[in-house]
Amino acid sequence: MFSNVDVYFLAFLMKNLCNYLGHALLEGFVPHTCMSCGVPITYYGHVAGSCSFCVMNWGVFEPGIVSSTLFKERMNCIWSAVGFRLEDGCARTIVHKCKYGGDPMLVKKLGNWIAERWDAPPDNVVLVPVPIHPKRKLLRGFNQAERFAAGLSEVWGVGVDSAGLVRIKHGTSLTGSNRQDRSHALKKTYGFNKRINKSNMAPVILVDDVLTTGATLRECREILELRGRFVLGAVVLALA
């Protein structure tokens, strides 16, 4: 007779064996290639669809005082985490695919990747993704910041509050705008969701895909703090 532990172990072993064989068959019939350079890769030997060589060219930030200092130059905060430098080439390709590629799982996997590299924030925090306008969300099919936060949450084990903030204005993209233009354009763009449970006053970690001048995060932080929420810091995929 098998004990409960033996049955659990056998079930775990069979599940992983089936996953491995399934991926092996997929690699045989549908070769997996790097989303940036197109070279063949295995289903396990990549970061969100990019080969190790392309990842080396991302300009990855290592956890530490240097990364934190660069982040605080844009947004003064206590806690932060960032993925890579937004430069021409592989990094811009990956961010473009996150926004417009129609693959929410890609963004979530990048959230997993950053969360595995950086220490988790305090247990009592909640992740609040920067919202996009409902029209843009309908067009894209998802909010990349929400999927990014979902990937972080999966590894760190902290909650996500996707309803804490709302985007009021539906404007054009601010890509390429300077600090002054961004600050002016973002005024009254975001708002506090008055319909959410006001008893949820946990400290906030803001989540966004790209940090350029920091205007978006500062605007969201101001809105939350005016309602009594404490913003501990932020996580971004790329630093421009």
Protein backbone atom coordinates (compact mmCIF):
# COMPACT_ATOMS: atom_id res chain seq x y z
CA MET A 1 0.00 0.00 0.00
CA PHE A 2 1.17 3.52 -0.80
CA SER A 3 1.11 6.19 1.87
CA ASN A 4 -0.35 9.64 1.20
CA VAL A 5 3.18 11.02 0.87
CA ASP A 6 4.06 8.39 -1.74
CA VAL A 7 0.91 9.12 -3.75
CA TYR A 8 1.61 12.87 -3.63
CA PHE A 9 5.22 12.34 -4.73
CA LEU A 10 4.20 10.07 -7.63
CA ALA A 11 1.55 12.57 -8.77
CA PHE A 12 4.13 15.38 -8.62
CA LEU A 13 6.64 13.26 -10.58
CA MET A 14 4.10 12.32 -13.25
CA LYS A 15 2.96 15.94 -13.66
CA ASN A 16 6.52 17.18 -14.23
CA LEU A 17 7.31 14.26 -16.54
CA CYS A 18 4.24 15.03 -18.66
CA ASN A 19 5.21 18.71 -18.83
CA TYR A 20 8.74 17.81 -19.90
CA LEU A 21 7.55 15.35 -22.57
CA GLY A 22 4.96 17.86 -23.80
CA HIS A 23 7.59 20.57 -24.22
CA ALA A 24 9.95 18.09 -25.90
CA LEU A 25 7.26 17.22 -28.47
CA LEU A 26 6.52 20.90 -29.05
CA GLU A 27 10.21 21.59 -29.66
CA GLY A 28 10.26 18.77 -32.21
CA PHE A 29 7.21 19.92 -34.18
CA VAL A 30 7.15 23.67 -33.44
CA PRO A 31 10.72 24.92 -32.84
CA HIS A 32 10.89 27.75 -30.28
CA THR A 33 12.91 30.79 -31.37
CA CYS A 34 14.13 33.89 -29.57
CA MET A 35 11.60 36.71 -29.92
CA SER A 36 14.42 39.25 -30.39
CA CYS A 37 17.01 37.62 -32.65
CA GLY A 38 15.17 34.54 -33.96
CA VAL A 39 17.75 31.89 -32.98
CA PRO A 40 16.39 28.48 -31.81
CA ILE A 41 15.98 28.11 -28.03
CA THR A 42 14.53 25.46 -25.74
CA TYR A 43 11.25 25.98 -23.91
CA TYR A 44 13.20 26.28 -20.65
CA GLY A 45 16.40 28.05 -21.73
CA HIS A 46 15.09 31.59 -22.08
CA VAL A 47 13.71 34.62 -20.24
CA ALA A 48 10.19 35.39 -21.45
CA GLY A 49 11.05 34.21 -24.95
CA SER A 50 14.49 35.82 -25.25
CA CYS A 51 17.75 33.86 -25.43
CA SER A 52 20.55 34.37 -22.90
CA PHE A 53 22.62 36.40 -25.40
CA CYS A 54 19.79 38.91 -25.94
CA VAL A 55 19.16 39.12 -22.19
CA MET A 56 22.84 40.06 -21.75
CA ASN A 57 22.19 43.00 -24.09
CA TRP A 58 19.19 44.23 -22.11
CA GLY A 59 21.37 46.28 -19.76
CA VAL A 60 19.99 44.40 -16.75
CA PHE A 61 20.05 46.20 -13.40
CA GLU A 62 21.43 44.16 -10.53
CA PRO A 63 19.75 44.60 -7.13
CA GLY A 64 21.78 47.01 -5.01
CA ILE A 65 22.51 50.59 -4.10
CA VAL A 66 23.41 51.70 -7.65
CA SER A 67 20.05 50.61 -9.10
CA SER A 68 18.16 52.09 -6.16
CA THR A 69 19.98 55.43 -6.48
CA LEU A 70 19.19 55.69 -10.20
CA PHE A 71 15.55 54.96 -9.45
CA LYS A 72 15.35 57.53 -6.65
CA GLU A 73 16.60 60.24 -9.01
CA ARG A 74 13.26 59.91 -10.83
CA MET A 75 11.00 59.10 -7.88
CA ASN A 76 12.07 59.58 -4.27
CA CYS A 77 10.93 56.42 -2.51
CA ILE A 78 11.94 53.92 0.16
CA TRP A 79 11.74 50.69 -1.87
CA SER A 80 12.25 49.98 -5.58
CA ALA A 81 12.96 47.26 -8.13
CA VAL A 82 13.78 47.62 -11.83
CA GLY A 83 14.48 45.20 -14.67
CA PHE A 84 16.70 46.71 -17.34
CA ARG A 85 17.80 49.88 -19.10
CA LEU A 86 15.56 50.89 -22.00
CA GLU A 87 18.02 51.14 -24.88
CA ASP A 88 17.86 50.58 -28.61
CA GLY A 89 17.80 46.96 -29.72
CA CYS A 90 16.60 44.01 -27.65
CA ALA A 91 15.28 46.08 -24.71
CA ARG A 92 13.03 48.25 -26.87
CA THR A 93 11.84 45.17 -28.76
CA ILE A 94 10.76 43.44 -25.57
CA VAL A 95 8.93 46.54 -24.24
CA HIS A 96 7.18 47.07 -27.58
CA LYS A 97 5.98 43.47 -27.57
CA CYS A 98 4.74 43.89 -23.99
CA LYS A 99 2.62 46.87 -25.01
CA TYR A 100 1.45 45.91 -28.48
CA GLY A 101 2.32 42.25 -28.99
CA GLY A 102 -1.01 40.90 -27.72
CA ASP A 103 0.67 38.40 -25.37
CA PRO A 104 -0.24 39.01 -21.69
CA MET A 105 1.68 35.88 -20.63
CA LEU A 106 4.92 37.46 -21.87
CA VAL A 107 4.46 40.43 -19.53
CA LYS A 108 3.58 38.13 -16.62
CA LYS A 109 6.72 36.03 -17.20
CA LEU A 110 8.83 39.20 -17.05
CA GLY A 111 7.19 39.95 -13.72
CA ASN A 112 8.21 36.46 -12.55
CA TRP A 113 11.76 37.12 -13.74
CA ILE A 114 12.18 40.39 -11.84
CA ALA A 115 10.57 39.00 -8.69
CA GLU A 116 12.99 36.05 -8.72
CA ARG A 117 15.96 38.43 -8.89
CA TRP A 118 14.87 41.05 -6.35
CA ASP A 119 13.99 40.55 -2.68
CA ALA A 120 10.28 40.72 -1.95
CA PRO A 121 8.81 43.91 -0.45
CA PRO A 122 7.35 43.81 3.09
CA ASP A 123 4.51 41.31 3.59
CA ASN A 124 1.83 43.90 4.34
CA VAL A 125 2.09 45.81 1.04
CA VAL A 126 -0.18 45.68 -1.99
CA LEU A 127 0.84 46.12 -5.63
CA VAL A 128 -1.10 48.85 -7.46
CA PRO A 129 -0.57 48.81 -11.26
CA VAL A 130 -0.74 52.10 -13.14
CA PRO A 131 -4.07 52.01 -15.03
CA ILE A 132 -4.70 52.62 -18.71
CA HIS A 133 -7.89 54.10 -20.15
CA PRO A 134 -10.73 51.58 -20.76
CA LYS A 135 -10.66 52.40 -24.50
CA ARG A 136 -6.97 51.56 -24.73
CA LYS A 137 -7.44 48.42 -22.63
CA LEU A 138 -10.23 47.31 -24.98
CA LEU A 139 -7.97 47.91 -27.98
CA ARG A 140 -4.96 46.04 -26.52
CA GLY A 141 -6.95 43.39 -24.68
CA PHE A 142 -5.12 43.89 -21.39
CA ASN A 143 -3.23 46.38 -19.23
CA GLN A 144 0.46 45.46 -19.37
CA ALA A 145 1.06 46.91 -15.87
CA GLU A 146 -1.66 44.61 -14.45
CA ARG A 147 -0.13 41.51 -16.04
CA PHE A 148 3.32 42.61 -14.89
CA ALA A 149 1.98 42.98 -11.33
CA ALA A 150 0.38 39.52 -11.57
CA GLY A 151 3.80 38.01 -12.35
CA LEU A 152 5.41 39.82 -9.43
CA SER A 153 2.60 38.74 -7.09
CA GLU A 154 2.92 35.09 -8.13
CA VAL A 155 6.53 34.91 -6.92
CA TRP A 156 6.48 37.39 -4.02
CA GLY A 157 3.15 36.27 -2.61
CA VAL A 158 1.78 39.81 -2.14
CA GLY A 159 -1.65 41.08 -3.17
CA VAL A 160 -2.60 43.14 -6.23
CA ASP A 161 -5.08 46.01 -6.13
CA SER A 162 -5.98 46.70 -9.76
CA ALA A 163 -8.92 48.93 -8.81
CA GLY A 164 -7.11 51.43 -6.60
CA LEU A 165 -6.49 53.92 -9.39
CA VAL A 166 -8.40 54.80 -12.56
CA ARG A 167 -7.34 56.62 -15.71
CA ILE A 168 -9.74 59.45 -16.48
CA LYS A 169 -8.30 61.06 -19.62
CA HIS A 170 -7.68 59.15 -22.82
CA GLY A 171 -4.74 60.90 -24.43
CA THR A 172 -2.07 60.16 -26.97
CA SER A 173 1.14 58.33 -26.09
CA LEU A 174 3.75 60.43 -24.26
CA THR A 175 6.69 58.51 -25.71
CA GLY A 176 9.43 61.01 -26.58
CA SER A 177 7.97 63.84 -24.47
CA ASN A 178 10.24 65.77 -22.10
CA ARG A 179 9.79 66.12 -18.34
CA GLN A 180 7.83 69.38 -18.50
CA ASP A 181 5.46 68.20 -21.24
CA ARG A 182 4.79 64.93 -19.41
CA SER A 183 4.01 66.66 -16.11
CA HIS A 184 1.62 69.07 -17.81
CA ALA A 185 -0.13 66.34 -19.84
CA LEU A 186 -0.61 64.05 -16.86
CA LYS A 187 -2.46 66.57 -14.69
CA LYS A 188 -5.92 65.19 -13.91
CA THR A 189 -5.17 62.13 -16.03
CA TYR A 190 -5.46 59.68 -13.13
CA GLY A 191 -7.94 59.51 -10.29
CA PHE A 192 -8.73 57.64 -7.09
CA ASN A 193 -11.40 54.96 -7.43
CA LYS A 194 -14.07 56.05 -4.96
CA ARG A 195 -15.96 52.76 -5.30
CA ILE A 196 -13.22 50.58 -3.78
CA ASN A 197 -13.23 49.32 -0.20
CA LYS A 198 -11.91 52.22 1.84
CA SER A 199 -10.81 49.86 4.63
CA ASN A 200 -7.91 48.67 2.45
CA MET A 201 -5.18 51.04 3.60
CA ALA A 202 -2.15 48.77 3.10
CA PRO A 203 1.11 50.43 1.99
CA VAL A 204 1.38 50.61 -1.79
CA ILE A 205 4.02 49.51 -4.30
CA LEU A 206 3.23 51.14 -7.66
CA VAL A 207 3.82 48.99 -10.77
CA ASP A 208 4.44 50.23 -14.33
CA ASP A 209 6.21 49.02 -17.46
CA VAL A 210 8.55 51.97 -18.16
CA LEU A 211 9.95 54.76 -15.99
CA THR A 212 10.99 57.75 -18.11
CA THR A 213 10.85 61.02 -16.18
CA GLY A 214 8.91 59.60 -13.24
CA ALA A 215 5.95 61.95 -13.87
CA THR A 216 3.39 59.14 -14.10
CA LEU A 217 4.48 57.49 -10.85
CA ARG A 218 4.67 60.82 -9.04
CA GLU A 219 1.14 61.73 -10.19
CA CYS A 220 -0.23 58.35 -9.03
CA ARG A 221 1.63 58.64 -5.75
CA GLU A 222 0.19 62.11 -5.07
CA ILE A 223 -3.36 60.90 -5.74
CA LEU A 224 -3.01 57.93 -3.37
CA GLU A 225 -1.31 59.89 -0.61
CA LEU A 226 -4.00 62.58 -0.72
CA ARG A 227 -6.44 59.77 0.19
CA GLY A 228 -4.31 58.58 3.09
CA ARG A 229 -2.47 55.74 1.33
CA PHE A 230 1.25 55.38 2.01
CA VAL A 231 3.28 54.72 -1.16
CA LEU A 232 6.37 52.74 -0.19
CA GLY A 233 7.93 52.58 -3.64
CA ALA A 234 7.57 51.21 -7.16
CA VAL A 235 8.56 48.44 -9.56
CA VAL A 236 9.17 49.02 -13.27
CA LEU A 237 10.24 46.74 -16.07
CA ALA A 238 12.51 49.28 -17.79
CA LEU A 239 14.27 52.54 -16.91
CA ALA A 240 14.57 54.97 -19.81
